[in-house]
Full PDB file with SEQRES, HELIX, SHEET, SSBOND, CRYST1, ORIGX, SCALE, CONECT and MASTER records, all heavy atoms in Angstrom:
SEQRES   1 A   32  ALA ALA GLY PRO VAL GLU LEU VAL LEU VAL THR HIS ARG          
SEQRES   2 A   32  HIS SER ASP HIS THR ALA GLY SER ALA ARG LEU HIS ALA          
SEQRES   3 A   32  LEU THR GLY ALA PRO VAL                                      
HELIX    1 AA1 SER A   15  THR A   18  1                                   4    
HELIX    2 AA2 SER A   21  THR A   28  1                                   8    
CRYST1    1.000    1.000    1.000  90.00  90.00  90.00 P 1           1          
ORIGX1      1.000000  0.000000  0.000000        0.00000                         
ORIGX2      0.000000  1.000000  0.000000        0.00000                         
ORIGX3      0.000000  0.000000  1.000000        0.00000                         
SCALE1      1.000000  0.000000  0.000000        0.00000                         
SCALE2      0.000000  1.000000  0.000000        0.00000                         
SCALE3      0.000000  0.000000  1.000000        0.00000                         
ATOM      1  N   ALA A   1      -5.082   6.258   7.899  1.00  0.00           N  
ATOM      2  CA  ALA A   1      -5.547   6.688   9.215  1.00  0.00           C  
ATOM      3  C   ALA A   1      -5.715   5.523  10.183  1.00  0.00           C  
ATOM      4  O   ALA A   1      -5.722   5.722  11.404  1.00  0.00           O  
ATOM      5  CB  ALA A   1      -6.867   7.441   9.076  1.00  0.00           C  
ATOM      6  N   ALA A   2      -5.847   4.315   9.654  1.00  0.00           N  
ATOM      7  CA  ALA A   2      -5.954   3.130  10.514  1.00  0.00           C  
ATOM      8  C   ALA A   2      -4.618   2.752  11.113  1.00  0.00           C  
ATOM      9  O   ALA A   2      -4.551   1.887  11.985  1.00  0.00           O  
ATOM     10  CB  ALA A   2      -6.508   1.951   9.711  1.00  0.00           C  
ATOM     11  N   GLY A   3      -3.538   3.385  10.666  1.00  0.00           N  
ATOM     12  CA  GLY A   3      -2.171   3.047  11.045  1.00  0.00           C  
ATOM     13  C   GLY A   3      -1.786   3.487  12.444  1.00  0.00           C  
ATOM     14  O   GLY A   3      -2.655   3.696  13.293  1.00  0.00           O  
ATOM     15  N   PRO A   4      -0.471   3.622  12.690  1.00  0.00           N  
ATOM     16  CA  PRO A   4       0.563   3.699  11.649  1.00  0.00           C  
ATOM     17  C   PRO A   4       0.735   2.392  10.873  1.00  0.00           C  
ATOM     18  O   PRO A   4       0.736   1.322  11.467  1.00  0.00           O  
ATOM     19  CB  PRO A   4       1.832   4.042  12.425  1.00  0.00           C  
ATOM     20  CG  PRO A   4       1.563   3.600  13.829  1.00  0.00           C  
ATOM     21  CD  PRO A   4       0.094   3.786  14.042  1.00  0.00           C  
ATOM     22  N   VAL A   5       0.841   2.517   9.543  1.00  0.00           N  
ATOM     23  CA  VAL A   5       0.975   1.357   8.668  1.00  0.00           C  
ATOM     24  C   VAL A   5       2.447   0.936   8.652  1.00  0.00           C  
ATOM     25  O   VAL A   5       3.326   1.714   8.301  1.00  0.00           O  
ATOM     26  CB  VAL A   5       0.488   1.667   7.235  1.00  0.00           C  
ATOM     27  CG1 VAL A   5       0.662   0.441   6.345  1.00  0.00           C  
ATOM     28  CG2 VAL A   5      -0.971   2.111   7.259  1.00  0.00           C  
ATOM     29  N   GLU A   6       2.678  -0.312   9.033  1.00  0.00           N  
ATOM     30  CA  GLU A   6       4.037  -0.851   9.125  1.00  0.00           C  
ATOM     31  C   GLU A   6       4.477  -1.526   7.829  1.00  0.00           C  
ATOM     32  O   GLU A   6       5.650  -1.506   7.467  1.00  0.00           O  
ATOM     33  CB  GLU A   6       4.073  -1.862  10.274  1.00  0.00           C  
ATOM     34  CG  GLU A   6       5.393  -2.546  10.508  1.00  0.00           C  
ATOM     35  CD  GLU A   6       5.340  -3.515  11.683  1.00  0.00           C  
ATOM     36  OE1 GLU A   6       4.411  -3.400  12.503  1.00  0.00           O  
ATOM     37  OE2 GLU A   6       6.219  -4.391  11.761  1.00  0.00           O  
ATOM     38  N   LEU A   7       3.518  -2.128   7.113  1.00  0.00           N  
ATOM     39  CA  LEU A   7       3.825  -2.928   5.929  1.00  0.00           C  
ATOM     40  C   LEU A   7       2.585  -2.998   5.060  1.00  0.00           C  
ATOM     41  O   LEU A   7       1.454  -3.007   5.566  1.00  0.00           O  
ATOM     42  CB  LEU A   7       4.243  -4.339   6.360  1.00  0.00           C  
ATOM     43  CG  LEU A   7       4.508  -5.385   5.269  1.00  0.00           C  
ATOM     44  CD1 LEU A   7       5.737  -5.013   4.453  1.00  0.00           C  
ATOM     45  CD2 LEU A   7       4.695  -6.778   5.897  1.00  0.00           C  
ATOM     46  N   VAL A   8       2.793  -3.041   3.746  1.00  0.00           N  
ATOM     47  CA  VAL A   8       1.698  -3.232   2.784  1.00  0.00           C  
ATOM     48  C   VAL A   8       2.021  -4.468   1.956  1.00  0.00           C  
ATOM     49  O   VAL A   8       3.133  -4.599   1.426  1.00  0.00           O  
ATOM     50  CB  VAL A   8       1.538  -2.002   1.864  1.00  0.00           C  
ATOM     51  CG1 VAL A   8       0.408  -2.237   0.863  1.00  0.00           C  
ATOM     52  CG2 VAL A   8       1.284  -0.737   2.690  1.00  0.00           C  
ATOM     53  N   LEU A   9       1.062  -5.373   1.842  1.00  0.00           N  
ATOM     54  CA  LEU A   9       1.201  -6.581   1.032  1.00  0.00           C  
ATOM     55  C   LEU A   9       0.131  -6.582  -0.045  1.00  0.00           C  
ATOM     56  O   LEU A   9      -0.992  -6.099   0.180  1.00  0.00           O  
ATOM     57  CB  LEU A   9       1.059  -7.839   1.898  1.00  0.00           C  
ATOM     58  CG  LEU A   9       2.048  -7.984   3.052  1.00  0.00           C  
ATOM     59  CD1 LEU A   9       1.680  -9.205   3.906  1.00  0.00           C  
ATOM     60  CD2 LEU A   9       3.480  -8.113   2.541  1.00  0.00           C  
ATOM     61  N   VAL A  10       0.459  -7.135  -1.228  1.00  0.00           N  
ATOM     62  CA  VAL A  10      -0.541  -7.278  -2.286  1.00  0.00           C  
ATOM     63  C   VAL A  10      -0.625  -8.745  -2.693  1.00  0.00           C  
ATOM     64  O   VAL A  10       0.382  -9.447  -2.749  1.00  0.00           O  
ATOM     65  CB  VAL A  10      -0.234  -6.387  -3.504  1.00  0.00           C  
ATOM     66  CG1 VAL A  10      -0.285  -4.916  -3.101  1.00  0.00           C  
ATOM     67  CG2 VAL A  10       1.112  -6.707  -4.118  1.00  0.00           C  
ATOM     68  N   THR A  11      -1.844  -9.197  -2.966  1.00  0.00           N  
ATOM     69  CA  THR A  11      -2.065 -10.600  -3.296  1.00  0.00           C  
ATOM     70  C   THR A  11      -1.784 -10.925  -4.753  1.00  0.00           C  
ATOM     71  O   THR A  11      -1.502 -12.079  -5.081  1.00  0.00           O  
ATOM     72  CB  THR A  11      -3.506 -11.014  -2.966  1.00  0.00           C  
ATOM     73  OG1 THR A  11      -4.425 -10.190  -3.734  1.00  0.00           O  
ATOM     74  CG2 THR A  11      -3.800 -10.864  -1.485  1.00  0.00           C  
ATOM     75  N   HIS A  12      -1.862  -9.919  -5.641  1.00  0.00           N  
ATOM     76  CA  HIS A  12      -1.535 -10.117  -7.052  1.00  0.00           C  
ATOM     77  C   HIS A  12      -1.543  -8.770  -7.747  1.00  0.00           C  
ATOM     78  O   HIS A  12      -1.942  -7.762  -7.167  1.00  0.00           O  
ATOM     79  CB  HIS A  12      -2.493 -11.104  -7.730  1.00  0.00           C  
ATOM     80  CG  HIS A  12      -3.907 -10.646  -7.813  1.00  0.00           C  
ATOM     81  ND1 HIS A  12      -4.717 -10.505  -6.710  1.00  0.00           N  
ATOM     82  CD2 HIS A  12      -4.676 -10.301  -8.885  1.00  0.00           C  
ATOM     83  CE1 HIS A  12      -5.917 -10.097  -7.086  1.00  0.00           C  
ATOM     84  NE2 HIS A  12      -5.913  -9.949  -8.395  1.00  0.00           N  
ATOM     85  N   ARG A  13      -1.114  -8.747  -8.980  1.00  0.00           N  
ATOM     86  CA  ARG A  13      -0.756  -7.510  -9.667  1.00  0.00           C  
ATOM     87  C   ARG A  13      -1.930  -6.696 -10.198  1.00  0.00           C  
ATOM     88  O   ARG A  13      -1.739  -5.533 -10.598  1.00  0.00           O  
ATOM     89  CB  ARG A  13       0.157  -7.838 -10.851  1.00  0.00           C  
ATOM     90  CG  ARG A  13      -0.517  -8.691 -11.910  1.00  0.00           C  
ATOM     91  CD  ARG A  13       0.366  -8.876 -13.146  1.00  0.00           C  
ATOM     92  NE  ARG A  13      -0.290  -9.697 -14.134  1.00  0.00           N  
ATOM     93  CZ  ARG A  13      -1.250  -9.262 -14.959  1.00  0.00           C  
ATOM     94  NH1 ARG A  13      -1.652  -8.004 -14.899  1.00  0.00           N  
ATOM     95  NH2 ARG A  13      -1.802 -10.077 -15.837  1.00  0.00           N  
ATOM     96  N   HIS A  14      -3.146  -7.213 -10.261  1.00  0.00           N  
ATOM     97  CA  HIS A  14      -4.248  -6.498 -10.907  1.00  0.00           C  
ATOM     98  C   HIS A  14      -4.480  -5.130 -10.268  1.00  0.00           C  
ATOM     99  O   HIS A  14      -4.412  -4.969  -9.050  1.00  0.00           O  
ATOM    100  CB  HIS A  14      -5.517  -7.344 -10.876  1.00  0.00           C  
ATOM    101  CG  HIS A  14      -5.506  -8.434 -11.898  1.00  0.00           C  
ATOM    102  ND1 HIS A  14      -6.328  -9.546 -11.826  1.00  0.00           N  
ATOM    103  CD2 HIS A  14      -4.760  -8.601 -13.029  1.00  0.00           C  
ATOM    104  CE1 HIS A  14      -6.092 -10.337 -12.859  1.00  0.00           C  
ATOM    105  NE2 HIS A  14      -5.142  -9.784 -13.598  1.00  0.00           N  
ATOM    106  N   SER A  15      -4.794  -4.153 -11.112  1.00  0.00           N  
ATOM    107  CA  SER A  15      -4.809  -2.760 -10.682  1.00  0.00           C  
ATOM    108  C   SER A  15      -5.878  -2.467  -9.641  1.00  0.00           C  
ATOM    109  O   SER A  15      -5.719  -1.529  -8.843  1.00  0.00           O  
ATOM    110  CB  SER A  15      -4.993  -1.838 -11.890  1.00  0.00           C  
ATOM    111  OG  SER A  15      -6.233  -2.091 -12.538  1.00  0.00           O  
ATOM    112  N   ASP A  16      -6.974  -3.224  -9.622  1.00  0.00           N  
ATOM    113  CA  ASP A  16      -7.986  -2.954  -8.603  1.00  0.00           C  
ATOM    114  C   ASP A  16      -7.494  -3.336  -7.208  1.00  0.00           C  
ATOM    115  O   ASP A  16      -8.130  -2.998  -6.207  1.00  0.00           O  
ATOM    116  CB  ASP A  16      -9.303  -3.665  -8.933  1.00  0.00           C  
ATOM    117  CG  ASP A  16      -9.169  -5.173  -9.029  1.00  0.00           C  
ATOM    118  OD1 ASP A  16      -8.297  -5.641  -9.782  1.00  0.00           O  
ATOM    119  OD2 ASP A  16      -9.937  -5.879  -8.360  1.00  0.00           O  
ATOM    120  N   HIS A  17      -6.338  -4.012  -7.136  1.00  0.00           N  
ATOM    121  CA  HIS A  17      -5.711  -4.341  -5.850  1.00  0.00           C  
ATOM    122  C   HIS A  17      -4.458  -3.507  -5.593  1.00  0.00           C  
ATOM    123  O   HIS A  17      -4.090  -3.315  -4.431  1.00  0.00           O  
ATOM    124  CB  HIS A  17      -5.340  -5.829  -5.808  1.00  0.00           C  
ATOM    125  CG  HIS A  17      -6.520  -6.729  -5.837  1.00  0.00           C  
ATOM    126  ND1 HIS A  17      -6.995  -7.388  -4.723  1.00  0.00           N  
ATOM    127  CD2 HIS A  17      -7.350  -7.084  -6.845  1.00  0.00           C  
ATOM    128  CE1 HIS A  17      -8.056  -8.108  -5.047  1.00  0.00           C  
ATOM    129  NE2 HIS A  17      -8.297  -7.924  -6.331  1.00  0.00           N  
ATOM    130  N   THR A  18      -3.802  -3.043  -6.643  1.00  0.00           N  
ATOM    131  CA  THR A  18      -2.469  -2.446  -6.490  1.00  0.00           C  
ATOM    132  C   THR A  18      -2.342  -0.995  -6.928  1.00  0.00           C  
ATOM    133  O   THR A  18      -1.324  -0.364  -6.626  1.00  0.00           O  
ATOM    134  CB  THR A  18      -1.434  -3.254  -7.295  1.00  0.00           C  
ATOM    135  OG1 THR A  18      -1.767  -3.169  -8.692  1.00  0.00           O  
ATOM    136  CG2 THR A  18      -1.414  -4.714  -6.867  1.00  0.00           C  
ATOM    137  N   ALA A  19      -3.324  -0.450  -7.624  1.00  0.00           N  
ATOM    138  CA  ALA A  19      -3.153   0.910  -8.174  1.00  0.00           C  
ATOM    139  C   ALA A  19      -2.893   1.944  -7.087  1.00  0.00           C  
ATOM    140  O   ALA A  19      -2.231   2.961  -7.325  1.00  0.00           O  
ATOM    141  CB  ALA A  19      -4.370   1.303  -9.005  1.00  0.00           C  
ATOM    142  N   GLY A  20      -3.398   1.697  -5.882  1.00  0.00           N  
ATOM    143  CA  GLY A  20      -3.183   2.637  -4.781  1.00  0.00           C  
ATOM    144  C   GLY A  20      -1.908   2.405  -4.003  1.00  0.00           C  
ATOM    145  O   GLY A  20      -1.627   3.145  -3.045  1.00  0.00           O  
ATOM    146  N   SER A  21      -1.107   1.424  -4.392  1.00  0.00           N  
ATOM    147  CA  SER A  21       0.073   1.060  -3.596  1.00  0.00           C  
ATOM    148  C   SER A  21       1.078   2.195  -3.483  1.00  0.00           C  
ATOM    149  O   SER A  21       1.584   2.497  -2.390  1.00  0.00           O  
ATOM    150  CB  SER A  21       0.751  -0.170  -4.202  1.00  0.00           C  
ATOM    151  OG  SER A  21      -0.062  -1.306  -4.120  1.00  0.00           O  
ATOM    152  N   ALA A  22       1.415   2.822  -4.601  1.00  0.00           N  
ATOM    153  CA  ALA A  22       2.421   3.886  -4.578  1.00  0.00           C  
ATOM    154  C   ALA A  22       1.946   5.050  -3.722  1.00  0.00           C  
ATOM    155  O   ALA A  22       2.723   5.635  -2.951  1.00  0.00           O  
ATOM    156  CB  ALA A  22       2.728   4.352  -5.998  1.00  0.00           C  
ATOM    157  N   ARG A  23       0.682   5.398  -3.834  1.00  0.00           N  
ATOM    158  CA  ARG A  23       0.136   6.512  -3.049  1.00  0.00           C  
ATOM    159  C   ARG A  23       0.128   6.167  -1.560  1.00  0.00           C  
ATOM    160  O   ARG A  23       0.480   7.004  -0.720  1.00  0.00           O  
ATOM    161  CB  ARG A  23      -1.274   6.821  -3.540  1.00  0.00           C  
ATOM    162  CG  ARG A  23      -2.027   7.850  -2.723  1.00  0.00           C  
ATOM    163  CD  ARG A  23      -1.387   9.218  -2.787  1.00  0.00           C  
ATOM    164  NE  ARG A  23      -2.227  10.225  -2.147  1.00  0.00           N  
ATOM    165  CZ  ARG A  23      -1.759  11.337  -1.587  1.00  0.00           C  
ATOM    166  NH1 ARG A  23      -0.462  11.585  -1.607  1.00  0.00           N  
ATOM    167  NH2 ARG A  23      -2.569  12.191  -1.035  1.00  0.00           N  
ATOM    168  N   LEU A  24      -0.249   4.938  -1.203  1.00  0.00           N  
ATOM    169  CA  LEU A  24      -0.256   4.554   0.214  1.00  0.00           C  
ATOM    170  C   LEU A  24       1.171   4.532   0.762  1.00  0.00           C  
ATOM    171  O   LEU A  24       1.405   4.925   1.916  1.00  0.00           O  
ATOM    172  CB  LEU A  24      -0.933   3.196   0.402  1.00  0.00           C  
ATOM    173  CG  LEU A  24      -1.169   2.769   1.855  1.00  0.00           C  
ATOM    174  CD1 LEU A  24      -2.054   3.775   2.591  1.00  0.00           C  
ATOM    175  CD2 LEU A  24      -1.800   1.384   1.917  1.00  0.00           C  
ATOM    176  N   HIS A  25       2.113   4.088  -0.060  1.00  0.00           N  
ATOM    177  CA  HIS A  25       3.524   4.132   0.350  1.00  0.00           C  
ATOM    178  C   HIS A  25       3.952   5.574   0.613  1.00  0.00           C  
ATOM    179  O   HIS A  25       4.639   5.864   1.609  1.00  0.00           O  
ATOM    180  CB  HIS A  25       4.394   3.499  -0.734  1.00  0.00           C  
ATOM    181  CG  HIS A  25       5.856   3.687  -0.527  1.00  0.00           C  
ATOM    182  ND1 HIS A  25       6.536   3.196   0.564  1.00  0.00           N  
ATOM    183  CD2 HIS A  25       6.780   4.359  -1.278  1.00  0.00           C  
ATOM    184  CE1 HIS A  25       7.821   3.530   0.482  1.00  0.00           C  
ATOM    185  NE2 HIS A  25       7.994   4.234  -0.621  1.00  0.00           N  
ATOM    186  N   ALA A  26       3.538   6.489  -0.253  1.00  0.00           N  
ATOM    187  CA  ALA A  26       3.894   7.896  -0.069  1.00  0.00           C  
ATOM    188  C   ALA A  26       3.246   8.472   1.186  1.00  0.00           C  
ATOM    189  O   ALA A  26       3.860   9.281   1.900  1.00  0.00           O  
ATOM    190  CB  ALA A  26       3.480   8.702  -1.300  1.00  0.00           C  
ATOM    191  N   LEU A  27       2.022   8.069   1.470  1.00  0.00           N  
ATOM    192  CA  LEU A  27       1.312   8.593   2.641  1.00  0.00           C  
ATOM    193  C   LEU A  27       1.894   8.077   3.947  1.00  0.00           C  
ATOM    194  O   LEU A  27       1.883   8.785   4.961  1.00  0.00           O  
ATOM    195  CB  LEU A  27      -0.171   8.204   2.566  1.00  0.00           C  
ATOM    196  CG  LEU A  27      -1.046   8.948   1.561  1.00  0.00           C  
ATOM    197  CD1 LEU A  27      -2.419   8.287   1.470  1.00  0.00           C  
ATOM    198  CD2 LEU A  27      -1.198  10.416   1.971  1.00  0.00           C  
ATOM    199  N   THR A  28       2.384   6.834   3.943  1.00  0.00           N  
ATOM    200  CA  THR A  28       2.750   6.173   5.190  1.00  0.00           C  
ATOM    201  C   THR A  28       4.232   5.856   5.333  1.00  0.00           C  
ATOM    202  O   THR A  28       4.709   5.627   6.439  1.00  0.00           O  
ATOM    203  CB  THR A  28       1.977   4.844   5.336  1.00  0.00           C  
ATOM    204  OG1 THR A  28       2.411   3.936   4.301  1.00  0.00           O  
ATOM    205  CG2 THR A  28       0.479   5.075   5.217  1.00  0.00           C  
ATOM    206  N   GLY A  29       4.955   5.793   4.217  1.00  0.00           N  
ATOM    207  CA  GLY A  29       6.342   5.359   4.242  1.00  0.00           C  
ATOM    208  C   GLY A  29       6.510   3.864   4.366  1.00  0.00           C  
ATOM    209  O   GLY A  29       7.641   3.358   4.383  1.00  0.00           O  
ATOM    210  N   ALA A  30       5.415   3.121   4.447  1.00  0.00           N  
ATOM    211  CA  ALA A  30       5.493   1.670   4.619  1.00  0.00           C  
ATOM    212  C   ALA A  30       5.926   1.004   3.325  1.00  0.00           C  
ATOM    213  O   ALA A  30       5.462   1.374   2.236  1.00  0.00           O  
ATOM    214  CB  ALA A  30       4.139   1.108   5.047  1.00  0.00           C  
ATOM    215  N   PRO A  31       6.813   0.005   3.394  1.00  0.00           N  
ATOM    216  CA  PRO A  31       7.185  -0.729   2.184  1.00  0.00           C  
ATOM    217  C   PRO A  31       6.016  -1.539   1.660  1.00  0.00           C  
ATOM    218  O   PRO A  31       5.170  -2.002   2.428  1.00  0.00           O  
ATOM    219  CB  PRO A  31       8.323  -1.633   2.662  1.00  0.00           C  
ATOM    220  CG  PRO A  31       8.100  -1.784   4.133  1.00  0.00           C  
ATOM    221  CD  PRO A  31       7.509  -0.496   4.596  1.00  0.00           C  
ATOM    222  N   VAL A  32       5.993  -1.697   0.342  1.00  0.00           N  
ATOM    223  CA  VAL A  32       4.955  -2.479  -0.319  1.00  0.00           C  
ATOM    224  C   VAL A  32       5.612  -3.714  -0.917  1.00  0.00           C  
ATOM    225  O   VAL A  32       6.595  -3.607  -1.657  1.00  0.00           O  
ATOM    226  CB  VAL A  32       4.250  -1.670  -1.430  1.00  0.00           C  
ATOM    227  CG1 VAL A  32       3.167  -2.516  -2.097  1.00  0.00           C  
ATOM    228  CG2 VAL A  32       3.654  -0.386  -0.854  1.00  0.00           C  
TER     229      VAL A  32                                                      
MASTER        0    0    0    2    0    0    0    6  228    1    0    3          
END                                                                             
């Protein structure tokens, strides 16, 4: 809702940072 989200970046692979990546990509279409 803060978007439109243009891009998603992650700082490292741990799930507390990345587990929501696929869902946010689906919600926004933004590449991760």
